[in-house]
């Protein structure tokens, strides 16, 4: 069984019916097993983007109250060096702090896959050049 690490895009799309990926996020979320793993950077981005969506933030808060739906076990302090090294390595790409945190999570969680709408995750690599497993609408 894969551990699903959620990026901001699908979380926002899930609760924003006007998002171009809403249907994909909604349908693909039905097939995901276990809780979604996120980091604080993704949570911050999602809260910001859902501020303009009617009841968007409230829906995210409801989801956060359910540990069986969303978990945040990854800690920046425990992964600081690797995460910051990723930001330096990919400084010429659209890498955000959230992206670097998610790549770090994949590096640290066995059988992890990132649920994302962002195609630039195809650029990022794990140590040894290994591609990151993704669930995407593309």
C-alpha atoms as a PDB file:
ATOM      1  CA  UNK A   1       0.000   0.000   0.000  1.00  0.00           C
ATOM      2  CA  UNK A   2       1.319   3.444  -0.931  1.00  0.00           C
ATOM      3  CA  UNK A   3       1.421   6.400   1.412  1.00  0.00           C
ATOM      4  CA  UNK A   4      -0.228   9.316  -0.384  1.00  0.00           C
ATOM      5  CA  UNK A   5       1.445  12.686   0.077  1.00  0.00           C
ATOM      6  CA  UNK A   6      -0.890  15.501  -0.960  1.00  0.00           C
ATOM      7  CA  UNK A   7       0.253  18.632  -2.722  1.00  0.00           C
ATOM      8  CA  UNK A   8      -1.702  21.883  -2.548  1.00  0.00           C
ATOM      9  CA  UNK A   9      -3.291  21.605  -6.000  1.00  0.00           C
ATOM     10  CA  UNK A  10      -5.511  18.573  -5.411  1.00  0.00           C
ATOM     11  CA  UNK A  11      -6.535  19.781  -1.956  1.00  0.00           C
ATOM     12  CA  UNK A  12      -7.704  23.107  -3.355  1.00  0.00           C
ATOM     13  CA  UNK A  13      -9.318  21.448  -6.375  1.00  0.00           C
ATOM     14  CA  UNK A  14     -11.196  19.061  -4.114  1.00  0.00           C
ATOM     15  CA  UNK A  15     -13.073  21.930  -2.442  1.00  0.00           C
ATOM     16  CA  UNK A  16     -13.155  24.454  -5.295  1.00  0.00           C
ATOM     17  CA  UNK A  17     -15.756  23.476  -7.907  1.00  0.00           C
ATOM     18  CA  UNK A  18     -14.414  26.151 -10.280  1.00  0.00           C
ATOM     19  CA  UNK A  19     -10.906  24.656 -10.279  1.00  0.00           C
ATOM     20  CA  UNK A  20      -9.968  23.034 -13.600  1.00  0.00           C
ATOM     21  CA  UNK A  21      -8.921  19.874 -11.743  1.00  0.00           C
ATOM     22  CA  UNK A  22     -11.965  19.640  -9.451  1.00  0.00           C
ATOM     23  CA  UNK A  23     -13.521  16.573 -11.102  1.00  0.00           C
ATOM     24  CA  UNK A  24     -10.187  14.780 -11.274  1.00  0.00           C
ATOM     25  CA  UNK A  25      -9.382  15.557  -7.616  1.00  0.00           C
ATOM     26  CA  UNK A  26     -12.822  14.463  -6.472  1.00  0.00           C
ATOM     27  CA  UNK A  27     -12.779  11.199  -8.451  1.00  0.00           C
ATOM     28  CA  UNK A  28      -9.167  10.317  -7.700  1.00  0.00           C
ATOM     29  CA  UNK A  29      -9.663  11.025  -3.972  1.00  0.00           C
ATOM     30  CA  UNK A  30     -12.169   8.153  -3.889  1.00  0.00           C
ATOM     31  CA  UNK A  31      -9.418   5.703  -4.844  1.00  0.00           C
ATOM     32  CA  UNK A  32      -6.812   6.879  -2.333  1.00  0.00           C
ATOM     33  CA  UNK A  33      -6.205   4.555   0.604  1.00  0.00           C
ATOM     34  CA  UNK A  34      -5.296   5.757   4.072  1.00  0.00           C
ATOM     35  CA  UNK A  35      -4.819   9.291   5.315  1.00  0.00           C
ATOM     36  CA  UNK A  36      -3.284  11.986   3.161  1.00  0.00           C
ATOM     37  CA  UNK A  37       0.089  13.119   4.452  1.00  0.00           C
ATOM     38  CA  UNK A  38       0.816  16.836   4.161  1.00  0.00           C
ATOM     39  CA  UNK A  39       3.300  19.349   5.526  1.00  0.00           C
ATOM     40  CA  UNK A  40       2.748  22.781   7.032  1.00  0.00           C
ATOM     41  CA  UNK A  41       3.850  24.514   3.824  1.00  0.00           C
ATOM     42  CA  UNK A  42       1.093  22.767   1.839  1.00  0.00           C
ATOM     43  CA  UNK A  43      -1.407  23.577   4.562  1.00  0.00           C
ATOM     44  CA  UNK A  44      -0.432  27.258   4.440  1.00  0.00           C
ATOM     45  CA  UNK A  45      -0.763  27.397   0.650  1.00  0.00           C
ATOM     46  CA  UNK A  46      -4.134  25.612   0.768  1.00  0.00           C
ATOM     47  CA  UNK A  47      -5.554  27.978   3.401  1.00  0.00           C
ATOM     48  CA  UNK A  48      -4.427  30.964   1.342  1.00  0.00           C
ATOM     49  CA  UNK A  49      -5.916  29.667  -1.918  1.00  0.00           C
ATOM     50  CA  UNK A  50      -9.162  28.478  -0.321  1.00  0.00           C
ATOM     51  CA  UNK A  51      -9.794  31.911   1.241  1.00  0.00           C
ATOM     52  CA  UNK A  52     -11.593  32.954  -1.963  1.00  0.00           C
ATOM     53  CA  UNK A  53     -13.644  29.757  -2.209  1.00  0.00           C
ATOM     54  CA  UNK A  54     -17.032  29.800  -0.460  1.00  0.00           C
ATOM     55  CA  UNK A  55     -16.628  27.683   2.686  1.00  0.00           C
ATOM     56  CA  UNK A  56     -13.268  26.478   1.341  1.00  0.00           C
ATOM     57  CA  UNK A  57     -11.319  27.116   4.513  1.00  0.00           C
ATOM     58  CA  UNK A  58     -14.084  25.644   6.648  1.00  0.00           C
ATOM     59  CA  UNK A  59     -14.022  22.439   4.595  1.00  0.00           C
ATOM     60  CA  UNK A  60     -10.266  22.200   5.067  1.00  0.00           C
ATOM     61  CA  UNK A  61     -10.654  22.695   8.818  1.00  0.00           C
ATOM     62  CA  UNK A  62     -13.248  19.908   8.943  1.00  0.00           C
ATOM     63  CA  UNK A  63     -10.809  17.632   7.069  1.00  0.00           C
ATOM     64  CA  UNK A  64      -7.975  18.541   9.449  1.00  0.00           C
ATOM     65  CA  UNK A  65     -10.109  17.511  12.419  1.00  0.00           C
ATOM     66  CA  UNK A  66     -10.111  13.961  11.012  1.00  0.00           C
ATOM     67  CA  UNK A  67      -6.697  12.317  11.527  1.00  0.00           C
ATOM     68  CA  UNK A  68      -7.949   9.400   9.438  1.00  0.00           C
ATOM     69  CA  UNK A  69      -8.162  11.835   6.489  1.00  0.00           C
ATOM     70  CA  UNK A  70      -5.136  14.140   6.905  1.00  0.00           C
ATOM     71  CA  UNK A  71      -1.923  13.628   8.862  1.00  0.00           C
ATOM     72  CA  UNK A  72       1.098  15.898   9.256  1.00  0.00           C
ATOM     73  CA  UNK A  73       3.856  13.656  10.642  1.00  0.00           C
ATOM     74  CA  UNK A  74       6.716  15.282   8.715  1.00  0.00           C
ATOM     75  CA  UNK A  75       8.719  17.839  10.717  1.00  0.00           C
ATOM     76  CA  UNK A  76      10.824  20.492   9.000  1.00  0.00           C
ATOM     77  CA  UNK A  77      13.439  20.556  11.762  1.00  0.00           C
ATOM     78  CA  UNK A  78      14.073  16.840  11.268  1.00  0.00           C
ATOM     79  CA  UNK A  79      14.524  17.348   7.515  1.00  0.00           C
ATOM     80  CA  UNK A  80      15.949  20.854   7.330  1.00  0.00           C
ATOM     81  CA  UNK A  81      19.230  20.112   5.565  1.00  0.00           C
ATOM     82  CA  UNK A  82      17.799  17.872   2.824  1.00  0.00           C
ATOM     83  CA  UNK A  83      14.872  20.247   2.201  1.00  0.00           C
ATOM     84  CA  UNK A  84      17.040  23.350   1.930  1.00  0.00           C
ATOM     85  CA  UNK A  85      19.527  21.489  -0.269  1.00  0.00           C
ATOM     86  CA  UNK A  86      16.620  20.694  -2.619  1.00  0.00           C
ATOM     87  CA  UNK A  87      15.654  24.366  -2.796  1.00  0.00           C
ATOM     88  CA  UNK A  88      19.212  25.245  -3.749  1.00  0.00           C
ATOM     89  CA  UNK A  89      19.463  22.405  -6.264  1.00  0.00           C
ATOM     90  CA  UNK A  90      16.232  23.419  -8.015  1.00  0.00           C
ATOM     91  CA  UNK A  91      16.549  27.196  -7.695  1.00  0.00           C
ATOM     92  CA  UNK A  92      16.154  27.580 -11.493  1.00  0.00           C
ATOM     93  CA  UNK A  93      12.783  25.775 -11.493  1.00  0.00           C
ATOM     94  CA  UNK A  94       9.464  26.787  -9.951  1.00  0.00           C
ATOM     95  CA  UNK A  95      10.355  24.893  -6.745  1.00  0.00           C
ATOM     96  CA  UNK A  96       8.519  26.188  -3.702  1.00  0.00           C
ATOM     97  CA  UNK A  97       9.160  25.367  -0.069  1.00  0.00           C
ATOM     98  CA  UNK A  98       6.101  23.106  -0.192  1.00  0.00           C
ATOM     99  CA  UNK A  99       7.555  21.232  -3.185  1.00  0.00           C
ATOM    100  CA  UNK A 100      10.856  20.694  -1.407  1.00  0.00           C
ATOM    101  CA  UNK A 101       9.058  19.485   1.713  1.00  0.00           C
ATOM    102  CA  UNK A 102       7.020  16.984  -0.325  1.00  0.00           C
ATOM    103  CA  UNK A 103      10.123  15.643  -2.073  1.00  0.00           C
ATOM    104  CA  UNK A 104      11.744  15.282   1.340  1.00  0.00           C
ATOM    105  CA  UNK A 105       8.679  13.400   2.542  1.00  0.00           C
ATOM    106  CA  UNK A 106       8.930  10.976  -0.386  1.00  0.00           C
ATOM    107  CA  UNK A 107      12.576  10.435   0.453  1.00  0.00           C
ATOM    108  CA  UNK A 108      11.683   9.560   4.052  1.00  0.00           C
ATOM    109  CA  UNK A 109       8.468   7.555   3.676  1.00  0.00           C
ATOM    110  CA  UNK A 110       8.597   4.091   2.177  1.00  0.00           C
ATOM    111  CA  UNK A 111       6.251   3.493  -0.785  1.00  0.00           C
ATOM    112  CA  UNK A 112       5.196   7.134  -0.956  1.00  0.00           C
ATOM    113  CA  UNK A 113       3.497   8.763  -3.929  1.00  0.00           C
ATOM    114  CA  UNK A 114       2.689  12.448  -4.442  1.00  0.00           C
ATOM    115  CA  UNK A 115      -0.890  13.398  -5.388  1.00  0.00           C
ATOM    116  CA  UNK A 116      -0.411  16.578  -7.394  1.00  0.00           C
ATOM    117  CA  UNK A 117      -1.658  18.709 -10.264  1.00  0.00           C
ATOM    118  CA  UNK A 118       1.824  20.139 -10.884  1.00  0.00           C
ATOM    119  CA  UNK A 119       3.780  18.684 -13.789  1.00  0.00           C
ATOM    120  CA  UNK A 120       7.067  20.108 -12.499  1.00  0.00           C
ATOM    121  CA  UNK A 121       7.281  17.212 -10.037  1.00  0.00           C
ATOM    122  CA  UNK A 122       8.479  15.258 -13.087  1.00  0.00           C
ATOM    123  CA  UNK A 123      11.654  17.382 -12.957  1.00  0.00           C
ATOM    124  CA  UNK A 124      12.546  16.665  -9.329  1.00  0.00           C
ATOM    125  CA  UNK A 125      14.613  13.609  -8.511  1.00  0.00           C
ATOM    126  CA  UNK A 126      15.357  11.630  -5.396  1.00  0.00           C
ATOM    127  CA  UNK A 127      18.944  10.742  -4.526  1.00  0.00           C
ATOM    128  CA  UNK A 128      20.370   8.443  -7.164  1.00  0.00           C
ATOM    129  CA  UNK A 129      18.262  10.105  -9.880  1.00  0.00           C
ATOM    130  CA  UNK A 130      15.148   8.128  -8.996  1.00  0.00           C
ATOM    131  CA  UNK A 131      11.878   9.565 -10.335  1.00  0.00           C
ATOM    132  CA  UNK A 132       9.194  10.508  -7.839  1.00  0.00           C
ATOM    133  CA  UNK A 133       6.045   8.380  -8.052  1.00  0.00           C
ATOM    134  CA  UNK A 134       3.080  10.614  -8.886  1.00  0.00           C
ATOM    135  CA  UNK A 135      -0.693  10.589  -9.136  1.00  0.00           C
ATOM    136  CA  UNK A 136      -1.545  13.353 -11.603  1.00  0.00           C
ATOM    137  CA  UNK A 137      -4.304  14.366 -14.011  1.00  0.00           C
ATOM    138  CA  UNK A 138      -1.777  14.544 -16.876  1.00  0.00           C
END
